[in-house]
């Protein structure tokens, strides 16, 4: 066979550097026989004119062989790289290799075993280091052979490099008709079966061989699933079922390699044009359909269960999809977790955190994600609630001043704004009645704050508490009872000295201020104010301020300039009494 290419000396040097170590001396033995295989151990080192020097490592100034194997231009020919080694193994020494002889023996046999084949190599390109067999090697058997290289140079050196490399005579495998049994794959039909045919020939004779222990590696050129190995039958036919793909929209299969699992080696004779193995991958739309309502409820401290089914669209029908991953999440954010549908396409999950959830299929090779087309499902589980910062006091007007916050402690999407807080009163702390309700939030308040004033009867003396009735998402809560108390007071007298006055006339007001502790008693040193409201007005104006004496008596005076209403007011200067007013009397002025 013809030679198409040869390796240059520079290329040979670079290749040698890549895989050879850098030895410093040769290991030599002498031989007393005609073949260097018969060299006796411990013999003296021969001179340059001795029959051969056995060289096991590259030695400066001596011939060296490397790169032994099948020729790049013809796998049935032998190729050996040979040169004179220099002190730097990256370069050749001056001089020329004058002959290369290859001794092939069965693989694994000892050095000295008779040659199966002896070849005198040719050197078609003197500028390169490549030497070739004159034609096909034609060993007696198919298999692997160890090669000993015998070399001479123009300096008179004659060396033998044992185990310089290997040569493999492999049976030729020709593959054709590689094709899938179906043109497309989808969710319900995810696998594809490939079929093909091989012929095996002996390269030495061209005779047909039975594919004994022949293995074929197939690979997907799109890199979906790696390799698939198949063993052809005695007639050369084969088939292999490829598992579902992980991703992609198409696949195309080719032969990656052939090899023998027995004593006969094989090589692929045709690396391309073995058949049309293109397979299209069909991706289908999915949807999530809930089997429970879109509002699900669980008990306090428990869970609520959401169930559904995943379906994929086949033509105009929606069919259940088994083994599909479903991602669920809150707030349309990062998924909280994933589920896998059962054989009927169903999924179920018990959720302990209330709020809105979204369930969507995870996209795969055969199925498209349903995101974001699935409606939300709302999970309702009553979560803890609490009143914080609650204050219930009685002001000087005898009203209960109630202020606090309703805190919702769970991770739920709705707030407390607008929730109703019910106010309850008890005179003795045992019997309760509802006074009314106030609403959380509103102008001037935090979104969780409530504030109101209340009384039952003349004042707010007694026990007060607030409650929240709860919802499907929030637990009911009742505050502790708070007792508030201020002493009632009363203003007696307080009528003007006349109800018909001249303009500028002085009016006199007198009376007492009393407090009820266990009984009514005078309230000494109490602050009193004389108030006036002009006719036609709704605004009161204070005229003068006075104090009661030690017996609770007061005397106040004021001038009348226009008609209007007069009254005496007791205003508490401490936190233990309730304001009170005397009678309101109209005085006309002329």
Protein backbone atom coordinates (compact mmCIF):
# COMPACT_ATOMS: atom_id res chain seq x y z
CA UNK A 1 0.00 0.00 0.00
CA UNK A 2 1.12 3.60 -0.71
CA UNK A 3 2.34 6.03 1.96
CA UNK A 4 0.51 9.36 2.14
CA UNK A 5 2.52 11.21 4.79
CA UNK A 6 5.65 11.14 6.92
CA UNK A 7 6.63 12.82 10.18
CA UNK A 8 9.28 15.56 10.02
CA UNK A 9 12.27 15.54 12.32
CA UNK A 10 10.99 18.62 14.17
CA UNK A 11 7.55 17.07 14.71
CA UNK A 12 9.13 13.84 15.87
CA UNK A 13 11.21 15.74 18.41
CA UNK A 14 8.14 17.48 19.83
CA UNK A 15 6.17 14.25 20.08
CA UNK A 16 9.05 12.45 21.74
CA UNK A 17 9.34 15.16 24.38
CA UNK A 18 5.64 14.76 25.26
CA UNK A 19 5.81 11.19 26.46
CA UNK A 20 9.44 10.16 27.03
CA UNK A 21 11.47 10.73 30.16
CA UNK A 22 14.95 12.22 29.97
CA UNK A 23 17.41 9.33 30.64
CA UNK A 24 21.09 9.88 31.31
CA UNK A 25 22.65 6.57 30.37
CA UNK A 26 22.00 3.38 28.42
CA UNK A 27 21.52 -0.03 29.92
CA UNK A 28 23.55 -2.42 27.74
CA UNK A 29 24.01 -6.15 27.55
CA UNK A 30 25.98 -8.27 25.08
CA UNK A 31 24.89 -11.24 23.06
CA UNK A 32 26.92 -14.21 21.98
CA UNK A 33 24.40 -15.41 19.42
CA UNK A 34 23.20 -14.24 16.07
CA UNK A 35 20.00 -12.59 17.60
CA UNK A 36 20.17 -9.97 20.35
CA UNK A 37 17.27 -11.83 22.04
CA UNK A 38 19.81 -14.39 23.16
CA UNK A 39 22.01 -11.94 25.05
CA UNK A 40 23.42 -13.55 28.21
CA UNK A 41 22.98 -11.63 31.50
CA UNK A 42 26.14 -10.08 32.86
CA UNK A 43 28.11 -10.18 29.59
CA UNK A 44 30.61 -7.35 29.02
CA UNK A 45 29.47 -4.26 27.16
CA UNK A 46 30.15 -4.75 23.45
CA UNK A 47 31.90 -2.20 21.26
CA UNK A 48 30.35 -0.38 18.33
CA UNK A 49 31.23 -3.23 15.98
CA UNK A 50 29.56 -5.94 18.12
CA UNK A 51 26.36 -7.45 16.65
CA UNK A 52 23.93 -5.36 18.78
CA UNK A 53 23.67 -3.27 21.88
CA UNK A 54 20.44 -3.67 23.86
CA UNK A 55 19.12 -0.21 24.71
CA UNK A 56 16.18 0.16 27.10
CA UNK A 57 16.35 3.92 27.62
CA UNK A 58 17.17 6.75 25.25
CA UNK A 59 20.93 7.26 25.34
CA UNK A 60 22.86 10.16 23.83
CA UNK A 61 24.73 9.17 20.67
CA UNK A 62 22.86 5.87 20.12
CA UNK A 63 19.91 5.12 17.82
CA UNK A 64 16.49 5.15 19.46
CA UNK A 65 13.04 3.94 18.37
CA UNK A 66 9.67 5.28 19.54
CA UNK A 67 6.16 5.98 18.21
CA UNK A 68 5.74 2.31 17.23
CA UNK A 69 2.29 1.29 15.95
CA UNK A 70 -0.05 1.25 13.00
CA UNK A 71 0.68 3.76 10.27
CA UNK A 72 -1.52 6.82 10.17
CA UNK A 73 -2.03 6.33 6.44
CA UNK A 74 -2.89 2.62 6.61
CA UNK A 75 -3.87 0.72 9.79
CA UNK A 76 -2.47 -2.49 8.33
CA UNK A 77 1.07 -1.11 7.95
CA UNK A 78 3.71 -0.64 10.66
CA UNK A 79 5.31 2.73 11.45
CA UNK A 80 8.34 3.40 13.66
CA UNK A 81 9.99 6.72 14.51
CA UNK A 82 13.81 6.42 14.69
CA UNK A 83 16.68 8.85 15.27
CA UNK A 84 20.06 9.36 16.91
CA UNK A 85 19.50 10.55 20.43
CA UNK A 86 21.20 13.72 21.66
CA UNK A 87 22.01 14.73 25.24
CA UNK A 88 18.85 16.81 25.09
CA UNK A 89 16.10 14.28 24.27
CA UNK A 90 14.16 17.01 22.49
CA UNK A 91 16.65 17.01 19.61
CA UNK A 92 18.30 14.47 17.31
CA UNK A 93 22.10 14.09 17.29
CA UNK A 94 24.10 14.55 14.06
CA UNK A 95 24.13 11.49 11.87
CA UNK A 96 21.62 9.22 10.18
CA UNK A 97 19.75 6.00 10.88
CA UNK A 98 20.75 3.62 8.10
CA UNK A 99 18.42 0.66 8.75
CA UNK A 100 15.40 -0.31 10.84
CA UNK A 101 14.27 -3.91 11.28
CA UNK A 102 11.07 -4.79 13.20
CA UNK A 103 10.75 -8.11 15.07
CA UNK A 104 7.07 -8.88 15.90
CA UNK A 105 6.22 -11.54 18.50
CA UNK A 106 2.87 -12.46 20.17
CA UNK A 107 1.78 -9.96 22.79
CA UNK A 108 3.00 -10.86 26.25
CA UNK A 109 5.64 -13.30 25.09
CA UNK A 110 9.18 -12.99 26.45
CA UNK A 111 11.95 -11.20 24.63
CA UNK A 112 13.76 -13.92 22.69
CA UNK A 113 10.59 -15.65 21.54
CA UNK A 114 10.90 -16.48 17.83
CA UNK A 115 9.58 -13.77 15.54
CA UNK A 116 6.07 -14.10 14.18
CA UNK A 117 7.01 -11.56 11.55
CA UNK A 118 10.35 -9.91 10.68
CA UNK A 119 10.14 -6.69 8.66
CA UNK A 120 12.76 -4.51 7.03
CA UNK A 121 11.33 -0.98 7.09
CA UNK A 122 11.70 1.66 4.40
CA UNK A 123 12.50 5.34 4.78
CA UNK A 124 10.68 7.15 1.93
CA UNK A 125 11.32 10.66 3.29
CA UNK A 126 14.91 11.14 4.46
CA UNK A 127 13.99 14.49 6.03
CA UNK A 128 11.67 12.77 8.52
CA UNK A 129 12.13 10.23 11.32
CA UNK A 130 9.32 7.94 10.06
CA UNK A 131 10.07 4.39 8.83
CA UNK A 132 7.38 2.14 7.32
CA UNK A 133 6.82 -1.48 6.44
CA UNK A 134 6.99 -2.01 2.69
CA UNK A 135 3.35 -3.20 2.64
CA UNK A 136 0.73 -4.75 4.87
CA UNK A 137 2.27 -6.54 7.84
CA UNK A 138 0.30 -9.78 7.24
CA UNK A 139 0.92 -11.44 10.62
CA UNK A 140 -0.11 -15.10 10.97
CA UNK A 141 -3.04 -14.30 13.30
CA UNK A 142 -5.31 -11.37 14.08
CA UNK A 143 -4.23 -9.86 17.37
CA UNK A 144 -1.70 -7.73 19.19
CA UNK A 145 2.06 -8.09 18.69
CA UNK A 146 4.96 -6.72 20.71
CA UNK A 147 7.62 -5.03 18.56
CA UNK A 148 11.40 -5.10 19.12
CA UNK A 149 13.20 -2.51 16.94
CA UNK A 150 16.74 -3.21 15.58
CA UNK A 151 18.55 -0.09 14.30
CA UNK A 152 21.90 0.86 12.76
CA UNK A 153 23.38 4.28 12.01
CA UNK A 154 26.15 5.80 9.94
CA UNK A 155 28.37 5.96 13.04
CA UNK A 156 28.67 2.18 13.17
CA UNK A 157 26.19 1.68 16.06
CA UNK A 158 23.98 -1.39 16.04
CA UNK A 159 21.30 -1.45 18.75
CA UNK A 160 18.18 -3.35 19.71
CA UNK A 161 15.29 -1.58 21.49
CA UNK A 162 13.17 -4.36 23.05
CA UNK A 163 9.44 -3.76 23.56
CA UNK A 164 9.60 -0.57 21.54
CA UNK A 165 5.82 -0.65 21.02
CA UNK A 166 2.91 -2.72 19.73
CA UNK A 167 1.20 -3.44 16.46
CA UNK A 168 -2.43 -4.55 16.25
CA UNK A 169 -3.84 -6.45 13.31
CA UNK A 170 -7.61 -5.96 13.76
CA UNK A 171 -10.59 -7.27 11.85
CA UNK A 172 -12.32 -4.59 9.75
CA UNK A 173 -15.87 -3.71 10.83
CA UNK A 174 -18.15 -1.98 8.34
CA UNK A 175 -21.40 -0.61 9.80
CA UNK A 176 -24.40 0.46 7.72
CA UNK A 177 -28.12 1.05 7.99
CA UNK A 178 -28.05 2.73 11.42
CA UNK A 179 -31.56 4.12 11.91
CA UNK A 180 -34.22 4.65 14.62
CA UNK A 181 -37.49 2.72 14.52
CA UNK A 182 -39.42 5.94 15.18
CA UNK A 183 -38.78 9.48 13.99
CA UNK A 184 -39.94 11.25 17.19
CA UNK A 185 -40.01 10.68 20.93
CA UNK A 186 -42.38 12.28 23.46
CA UNK A 187 -43.46 12.00 27.10
CA UNK A 188 -45.49 8.82 26.61
CA UNK A 189 -42.92 7.31 24.20
CA UNK A 190 -39.59 8.52 25.62
CA UNK A 191 -37.28 5.78 24.36
CA UNK A 192 -35.95 5.13 20.87
CA UNK A 193 -34.71 1.84 19.43
CA UNK A 194 -31.77 2.01 17.04
CA UNK A 195 -31.06 -0.79 14.57
CA UNK A 196 -28.14 -1.45 12.24
CA UNK A 197 -25.98 -4.03 10.48
CA UNK A 198 -22.27 -4.82 10.46
CA UNK A 199 -19.99 -6.93 8.30
CA UNK A 200 -16.62 -8.16 9.57
CA UNK A 201 -13.70 -9.06 7.26
CA UNK A 202 -10.18 -10.36 7.70
CA UNK A 203 -7.90 -7.61 6.29
CA UNK A 204 -5.26 -10.18 5.34
CA UNK A 205 -7.54 -12.30 3.09
CA UNK A 206 -10.77 -10.28 2.70
CA UNK A 207 -12.71 -13.27 4.04
CA UNK A 208 -15.96 -12.64 5.95
CA UNK A 209 -15.83 -13.30 9.70
CA UNK A 210 -18.50 -13.89 12.33
CA UNK A 211 -18.68 -10.87 14.72
CA UNK A 212 -17.46 -12.81 17.74
CA UNK A 213 -17.35 -10.77 20.98
CA UNK A 214 -17.77 -7.55 19.00
CA UNK A 215 -18.93 -4.46 20.95
CA UNK A 216 -20.16 -1.25 19.31
CA UNK A 217 -20.31 2.05 21.22
CA UNK A 218 -22.96 4.47 19.97
CA UNK A 219 -23.03 8.09 21.04
CA UNK A 220 -25.48 10.97 20.65
CA UNK A 221 -23.82 13.84 18.83
CA UNK A 222 -25.91 16.33 20.87
CA UNK A 223 -24.41 14.95 24.08
CA UNK A 224 -27.67 14.03 25.82
CA UNK A 225 -26.94 10.68 27.38
CA UNK A 226 -23.41 9.54 26.64
CA UNK A 227 -22.66 6.13 25.10
CA UNK A 228 -24.67 2.98 24.48
CA UNK A 229 -23.00 -0.37 23.92
CA UNK A 230 -24.50 -3.10 21.74
CA UNK A 231 -23.28 -6.56 20.66
CA UNK A 232 -24.29 -7.63 17.14
CA UNK A 233 -25.65 -11.11 16.55
CA UNK A 234 -24.00 -13.79 14.44
CA UNK A 235 -25.67 -12.36 11.32
CA UNK A 236 -24.25 -8.89 12.09
CA UNK A 237 -27.56 -7.26 12.98
CA UNK A 238 -28.09 -5.30 16.20
CA UNK A 239 -30.60 -3.12 18.04
CA UNK A 240 -30.35 -0.99 21.18
CA UNK A 241 -32.99 0.91 23.15
CA UNK A 242 -31.87 4.36 24.24
CA UNK A 243 -33.30 5.62 27.55
CA UNK A 244 -35.20 8.93 27.82
CA UNK A 245 -33.18 12.04 27.11
CA UNK A 246 -32.43 14.56 29.83
CA UNK A 247 -32.74 17.65 27.67
CA UNK A 248 -32.76 18.89 24.10
CA UNK A 249 -35.06 19.05 21.10
CA UNK A 250 -33.31 16.52 18.87
CA UNK A 251 -30.72 13.74 18.84
CA UNK A 252 -28.45 12.18 16.22
CA UNK A 253 -26.58 8.95 16.89
CA UNK A 254 -23.24 7.85 15.45
CA UNK A 255 -20.75 5.07 16.14
CA UNK A 256 -18.06 6.19 18.55
CA UNK A 257 -15.93 3.04 18.61
CA UNK A 258 -15.85 -0.72 18.06
CA UNK A 259 -13.76 -3.12 20.08
CA UNK A 260 -13.44 -6.78 20.92
CA UNK A 261 -14.20 -8.32 24.29
CA UNK A 262 -12.46 -11.58 23.30
CA UNK A 263 -9.17 -12.49 21.60
CA UNK A 264 -9.92 -10.80 18.26
CA UNK A 265 -9.40 -7.02 18.02
CA UNK A 266 -11.68 -4.92 15.79
CA UNK A 267 -11.47 -1.55 14.13
CA UNK A 268 -14.17 0.53 12.44
CA UNK A 269 -13.57 0.68 8.71
CA UNK A 270 -16.14 3.41 7.97
CA UNK A 271 -16.35 6.19 10.54
CA UNK A 272 -19.03 8.19 8.72
CA UNK A 273 -22.09 7.73 6.51
CA UNK A 274 -23.43 4.78 8.49
CA UNK A 275 -27.10 5.78 8.27
CA UNK A 276 -29.70 8.41 9.19
CA UNK A 277 -30.22 8.26 12.98
CA UNK A 278 -31.88 11.65 13.50
CA UNK A 279 -34.63 11.66 16.18
CA UNK A 280 -36.90 14.65 16.94
CA UNK A 281 -37.98 15.28 20.54
CA UNK A 282 -41.54 16.56 20.93
CA UNK A 283 -42.21 18.86 23.90
CA UNK A 284 -45.79 19.04 25.19
CA UNK A 285 -47.67 21.65 27.21
CA UNK A 286 -48.61 20.87 30.84
CA UNK A 287 -51.12 22.17 33.34
CA UNK A 288 -51.89 21.74 37.04
CA UNK A 289 -55.50 21.09 37.99
CA UNK A 290 -56.44 21.25 41.67
CA UNK A 291 -58.59 18.46 43.11
CA UNK A 292 -59.19 20.47 46.28
CA UNK A 293 -60.82 23.93 46.33
CA UNK A 294 -58.56 26.93 45.86
CA UNK A 295 -59.23 27.75 49.53
CA UNK A 296 -58.25 24.94 51.90
CA UNK A 297 -58.60 25.01 55.68
CA UNK A 298 -56.76 23.35 58.53
CA UNK A 299 -57.26 23.28 62.29
CA UNK A 300 -55.40 25.45 64.73
CA UNK A 301 -51.84 24.14 65.03
CA UNK A 302 -52.44 21.59 62.24
CA UNK A 303 -52.05 21.38 58.47
CA UNK A 304 -54.16 21.85 55.37
CA UNK A 305 -53.83 19.42 52.46
CA UNK A 306 -53.62 20.47 48.81
CA UNK A 307 -54.11 17.81 46.13
CA UNK A 308 -53.99 18.11 42.37
CA UNK A 309 -53.22 16.36 39.11
CA UNK A 310 -50.66 17.19 36.42
CA UNK A 311 -51.81 16.75 32.83
CA UNK A 312 -50.05 17.06 29.49
CA UNK A 313 -51.65 17.99 26.21
CA UNK A 314 -51.79 15.28 23.55
CA UNK A 315 -53.61 16.53 20.50
CA UNK A 316 -56.84 18.01 21.84
CA UNK A 317 -56.87 15.87 25.00
CA UNK A 318 -55.31 16.40 28.42
CA UNK A 319 -53.86 13.21 29.89
CA UNK A 320 -52.39 12.53 33.37
CA UNK A 321 -48.60 12.80 33.57
CA UNK A 322 -46.84 10.42 35.97
CA UNK A 323 -43.43 11.02 37.52
CA UNK A 324 -43.47 14.78 36.86
CA UNK A 325 -41.87 17.21 39.28
CA UNK A 326 -44.13 19.93 40.67
CA UNK A 327 -42.58 22.99 42.34
CA UNK A 328 -44.63 24.80 44.99
CA UNK A 329 -43.83 28.22 46.36
CA UNK A 330 -45.24 31.27 48.11
CA UNK A 331 -45.13 34.87 46.96
CA UNK A 332 -44.20 33.79 43.40
CA UNK A 333 -40.61 33.52 44.62
CA UNK A 334 -38.05 30.78 45.10
CA UNK A 335 -39.72 27.33 45.26
CA UNK A 336 -40.31 26.03 48.77
CA UNK A 337 -39.91 22.46 47.54
CA UNK A 338 -40.83 19.94 44.86
CA UNK A 339 -43.22 17.01 44.61
CA UNK A 340 -43.40 14.10 42.16
CA UNK A 341 -46.70 12.92 40.69
CA UNK A 342 -47.78 9.31 41.16
CA UNK A 343 -48.79 6.82 38.50
CA UNK A 344 -52.11 8.65 38.01
CA UNK A 345 -50.43 12.05 37.78
CA UNK A 346 -51.68 13.05 41.25
CA UNK A 347 -49.79 14.93 43.95
CA UNK A 348 -50.66 15.78 47.54
CA UNK A 349 -49.00 17.83 50.26
CA UNK A 350 -49.92 18.82 53.82
CA UNK A 351 -48.94 22.46 54.45
CA UNK A 352 -48.50 23.92 57.92
CA UNK A 353 -47.72 27.51 56.89
CA UNK A 354 -50.79 29.47 55.77
CA UNK A 355 -50.93 31.87 52.87
CA UNK A 356 -51.13 31.78 49.06
CA UNK A 357 -49.34 29.00 47.17
CA UNK A 358 -48.59 28.38 43.54
CA UNK A 359 -48.00 24.92 42.06
CA UNK A 360 -46.31 24.59 38.66
CA UNK A 361 -44.66 21.78 36.75
CA UNK A 362 -40.89 21.77 36.30
CA UNK A 363 -39.96 21.84 32.63
CA UNK A 364 -38.15 18.82 31.17
CA UNK A 365 -37.10 17.44 27.80
CA UNK A 366 -40.60 16.26 26.95
CA UNK A 367 -42.80 18.63 28.98
CA UNK A 368 -43.02 22.41 29.12
CA UNK A 369 -43.40 24.13 32.49
CA UNK A 370 -46.91 25.29 33.39
CA UNK A 371 -45.48 28.43 35.03
CA UNK A 372 -47.03 30.95 35.42
CA UNK A 373 -50.44 29.76 34.28
CA UNK A 374 -51.60 27.95 37.43
CA UNK A 375 -53.93 29.89 39.77
CA UNK A 376 -53.02 30.28 43.41
CA UNK A 377 -54.47 28.19 46.21
CA UNK A 378 -54.94 29.83 49.62
CA UNK A 379 -54.13 27.84 52.75
CA UNK A 380 -55.99 28.90 55.90
CA UNK A 381 -54.72 27.76 59.32
CA UNK A 382 -55.48 29.96 62.35
CA UNK A 383 -52.23 31.53 63.48
CA UNK A 384 -51.32 33.00 66.86
CA UNK A 385 -52.58 36.48 67.68
CA UNK A 386 -51.84 38.74 70.64
CA UNK A 387 -52.66 42.15 72.06
CA UNK A 388 -49.49 44.16 72.68
CA UNK A 389 -48.99 47.51 74.35
CA UNK A 390 -52.59 47.40 75.67
CA UNK A 391 -53.47 50.28 78.03
CA UNK A 392 -56.88 50.78 79.65
CA UNK A 393 -57.17 53.83 81.88
CA UNK A 394 -59.92 56.18 83.05
CA UNK A 395 -59.57 59.83 82.15
CA UNK A 396 -60.81 62.85 84.14
CA UNK A 397 -64.06 62.81 82.18
CA UNK A 398 -64.97 59.36 83.53
CA UNK A 399 -64.31 57.55 80.23
CA UNK A 400 -62.27 54.38 79.66
CA UNK A 401 -59.34 55.27 77.35
CA UNK A 402 -58.37 52.07 75.46
CA UNK A 403 -55.24 51.89 73.27
CA UNK A 404 -53.32 48.84 71.96
CA UNK A 405 -52.06 46.78 69.01
CA UNK A 406 -53.29 43.54 67.48
CA UNK A 407 -50.27 41.50 66.43
CA UNK A 408 -50.57 38.60 63.99
CA UNK A 409 -47.53 36.40 64.43
CA UNK A 410 -47.80 33.98 61.53
CA UNK A 411 -46.40 34.23 58.02
CA UNK A 412 -49.66 35.19 56.34
CA UNK A 413 -50.26 37.62 53.53
CA UNK A 414 -53.15 39.64 55.03
CA UNK A 415 -52.73 42.34 57.68
CA UNK A 416 -54.88 43.40 60.64
CA UNK A 417 -56.10 46.70 59.23
CA UNK A 418 -59.89 46.78 59.48
CA UNK A 419 -60.21 43.99 62.06
CA UNK A 420 -62.92 44.56 64.70
CA UNK A 421 -61.91 44.79 68.37
CA UNK A 422 -64.83 44.28 70.77
CA UNK A 423 -64.94 46.21 74.09
CA UNK A 424 -66.47 44.52 77.14
CA UNK A 425 -67.37 45.84 80.63
CA UNK A 426 -68.07 44.18 83.98
CA UNK A 427 -68.96 45.90 87.25
CA UNK A 428 -67.59 42.99 89.29
CA UNK A 429 -65.15 41.17 86.97
CA UNK A 430 -67.51 38.20 86.57
CA UNK A 431 -70.52 39.29 84.56
CA UNK A 432 -69.60 40.83 81.21
CA UNK A 433 -71.48 42.73 78.60
CA UNK A 434 -70.42 44.15 75.24
CA UNK A 435 -70.21 47.90 75.01
CA UNK A 436 -69.37 48.07 71.27
CA UNK A 437 -66.39 47.67 68.98
CA UNK A 438 -63.62 49.69 67.40
CA UNK A 439 -61.66 49.02 64.19
CA UNK A 440 -57.93 48.42 63.84
CA UNK A 441 -56.09 51.04 61.80
CA UNK A 442 -57.52 54.24 60.49
CA UNK A 443 -56.31 57.77 60.13
CA UNK A 444 -53.53 58.76 62.48
CA UNK A 445 -52.91 55.20 63.71
CA UNK A 446 -50.53 52.38 62.85
CA UNK A 447 -52.03 49.64 60.67
CA UNK A 448 -52.25 47.30 63.69
CA UNK A 449 -53.33 49.92 66.28
CA UNK A 450 -56.78 50.42 67.80
CA UNK A 451 -57.94 53.25 70.06
CA UNK A 452 -61.30 54.28 71.54
CA UNK A 453 -63.12 55.77 74.56
CA UNK A 454 -66.02 54.09 76.36
CA UNK A 455 -68.25 54.33 79.39
CA UNK A 456 -71.30 52.58 80.74
CA UNK A 457 -73.52 54.86 82.79
CA UNK A 458 -72.17 57.91 84.52
CA UNK A 459 -68.51 56.82 84.36
CA UNK A 460 -66.15 53.97 83.51
CA UNK A 461 -65.53 52.66 87.00
CA UNK A 462 -65.25 48.84 86.83
CA UNK A 463 -63.54 46.11 84.80
CA UNK A 464 -62.69 46.38 81.10
CA UNK A 465 -61.24 44.04 78.49
CA UNK A 466 -61.03 43.69 74.69
CA UNK A 467 -61.39 40.68 72.39
CA UNK A 468 -60.75 39.67 68.80
CA UNK A 469 -63.09 37.04 67.34
CA UNK A 470 -60.50 35.60 64.90
CA UNK A 471 -60.85 34.40 61.31
CA UNK A 472 -59.93 31.34 59.28
CA UNK A 473 -56.35 32.63 59.35
CA UNK A 474 -56.11 34.09 62.86
CA UNK A 475 -56.90 32.67 66.25
CA UNK A 476 -59.32 34.52 68.57
CA UNK A 477 -57.75 36.34 71.50
CA UNK A 478 -59.11 37.84 74.72
CA UNK A 479 -57.18 40.33 76.84
CA UNK A 480 -56.76 40.32 80.59
CA UNK A 481 -59.34 42.33 82.51
CA UNK A 482 -58.22 45.72 83.83
CA UNK A 483 -59.94 47.46 86.77
CA UNK A 484 -60.09 51.27 86.56
CA UNK A 485 -61.48 53.66 89.15
CA UNK A 486 -61.82 57.39 89.85
CA UNK A 487 -63.88 59.04 92.59
CA UNK A 488 -67.11 60.61 91.31
CA UNK A 489 -67.61 64.27 92.18
CA UNK A 490 -70.60 66.66 92.19
CA UNK A 491 -70.97 70.44 92.02
CA UNK A 492 -73.90 71.80 94.02
CA UNK A 493 -75.25 75.36 93.91
CA UNK A 494 -73.65 77.17 91.06
CA UNK A 495 -76.69 79.25 90.13
CA UNK A 496 -76.25 83.00 89.40
CA UNK A 497 -77.44 85.60 91.84
CA UNK A 498 -79.92 86.82 89.18
CA UNK A 499 -81.14 85.60 85.79
CA UNK A 500 -81.95 89.15 84.57
CA UNK A 501 -78.95 91.39 84.64
CA UNK A 502 -78.02 94.79 83.46
CA UNK A 503 -75.09 95.07 81.10
CA UNK A 504 -71.88 94.97 83.13
CA UNK A 505 -73.62 93.72 86.29
CA UNK A 506 -71.61 91.34 88.52
CA UNK A 507 -73.09 87.87 89.02
CA UNK A 508 -72.31 85.79 92.11
CA UNK A 509 -72.06 81.96 92.15
CA UNK A 510 -71.65 79.86 95.29
CA UNK A 511 -71.96 76.21 96.27
CA UNK A 512 -69.91 73.15 97.21
CA UNK A 513 -67.87 70.39 95.54
CA UNK A 514 -68.30 66.89 96.95
CA UNK A 515 -66.62 63.53 96.31
CA UNK A 516 -68.00 60.05 96.83
CA UNK A 517 -65.64 57.68 98.54
CA UNK A 518 -67.85 55.46 100.70
CA UNK A 519 -70.30 58.34 101.00
CA UNK A 520 -70.46 61.92 99.78
CA UNK A 521 -67.91 64.16 101.44
CA UNK A 522 -66.72 67.74 100.78
CA UNK A 523 -63.75 68.01 98.43
CA UNK A 524 -61.39 70.61 99.88
CA UNK A 525 -59.00 72.71 97.81
CA UNK A 526 -60.64 71.65 94.55
CA UNK A 527 -60.14 73.72 91.42
CA UNK A 528 -63.36 75.27 90.09
CA UNK A 529 -63.95 77.36 86.97
CA UNK A 530 -66.77 79.73 86.08
CA UNK A 531 -67.76 79.13 82.44
CA UNK A 532 -69.88 81.20 80.04
CA UNK A 533 -71.36 80.37 76.64
CA UNK A 534 -72.76 83.33 74.67
CA UNK A 535 -76.22 82.99 73.22
CA UNK A 536 -76.11 81.35 69.78
CA UNK A 537 -72.62 79.90 70.32
CA UNK A 538 -71.47 76.34 71.07
CA UNK A 539 -68.17 77.39 72.63
CA UNK A 540 -67.62 77.73 76.37
CA UNK A 541 -65.26 80.36 77.73
CA UNK A 542 -63.81 80.41 81.22
CA UNK A 543 -64.43 83.61 83.13
CA UNK A 544 -62.59 83.02 86.39
CA UNK A 545 -60.88 80.29 88.39
CA UNK A 546 -61.21 79.58 92.09
CA UNK A 547 -60.63 76.95 94.77
CA UNK A 548 -62.86 75.41 97.39
CA UNK A 549 -62.11 75.98 101.04
CA UNK A 550 -61.51 73.27 103.62
CA UNK A 551 -65.25 72.56 103.66
CA UNK A 552 -65.51 72.26 99.90
CA UNK A 553 -67.26 75.62 99.47
CA UNK A 554 -66.59 78.03 96.60
CA UNK A 555 -67.59 81.58 95.67
CA UNK A 556 -67.13 82.89 92.12
CA UNK A 557 -68.04 86.16 90.41
CA UNK A 558 -68.31 87.31 86.83
CA UNK A 559 -69.70 90.31 84.89
CA UNK A 560 -72.52 89.86 82.40
CA UNK A 561 -72.13 91.80 79.14
CA UNK A 562 -74.42 89.75 76.91
CA UNK A 563 -77.01 87.09 77.29
CA UNK A 564 -75.83 83.51 77.60
CA UNK A 565 -75.49 80.40 79.74
CA UNK A 566 -73.41 80.13 82.91
CA UNK A 567 -72.05 77.06 84.74
CA UNK A 568 -69.52 76.07 87.41
CA UNK A 569 -67.04 73.30 86.53
CA UNK A 570 -64.90 71.21 88.85
CA UNK A 571 -61.75 70.09 86.95
CA UNK A 572 -59.59 67.36 88.46
CA UNK A 573 -55.95 68.19 89.08
CA UNK A 574 -55.06 64.58 89.99
CA UNK A 575 -55.60 61.08 88.53
CA UNK A 576 -58.13 59.98 91.13
CA UNK A 577 -61.19 62.21 90.57
CA UNK A 578 -63.71 62.74 87.78
CA UNK A 579 -64.67 66.18 86.51
CA UNK A 580 -68.20 67.40 87.23
CA UNK A 581 -70.32 70.48 86.45
CA UNK A 582 -73.12 72.29 88.21
CA UNK A 583 -76.39 73.37 86.63
CA UNK A 584 -76.38 75.46 83.44
CA UNK A 585 -78.35 78.67 83.89
CA UNK A 586 -79.29 81.22 81.20
CA UNK A 587 -78.97 84.91 82.15
CA UNK A 588 -80.48 87.60 79.95
CA UNK A 589 -78.80 91.02 79.76
CA UNK A 590 -80.55 94.31 79.03
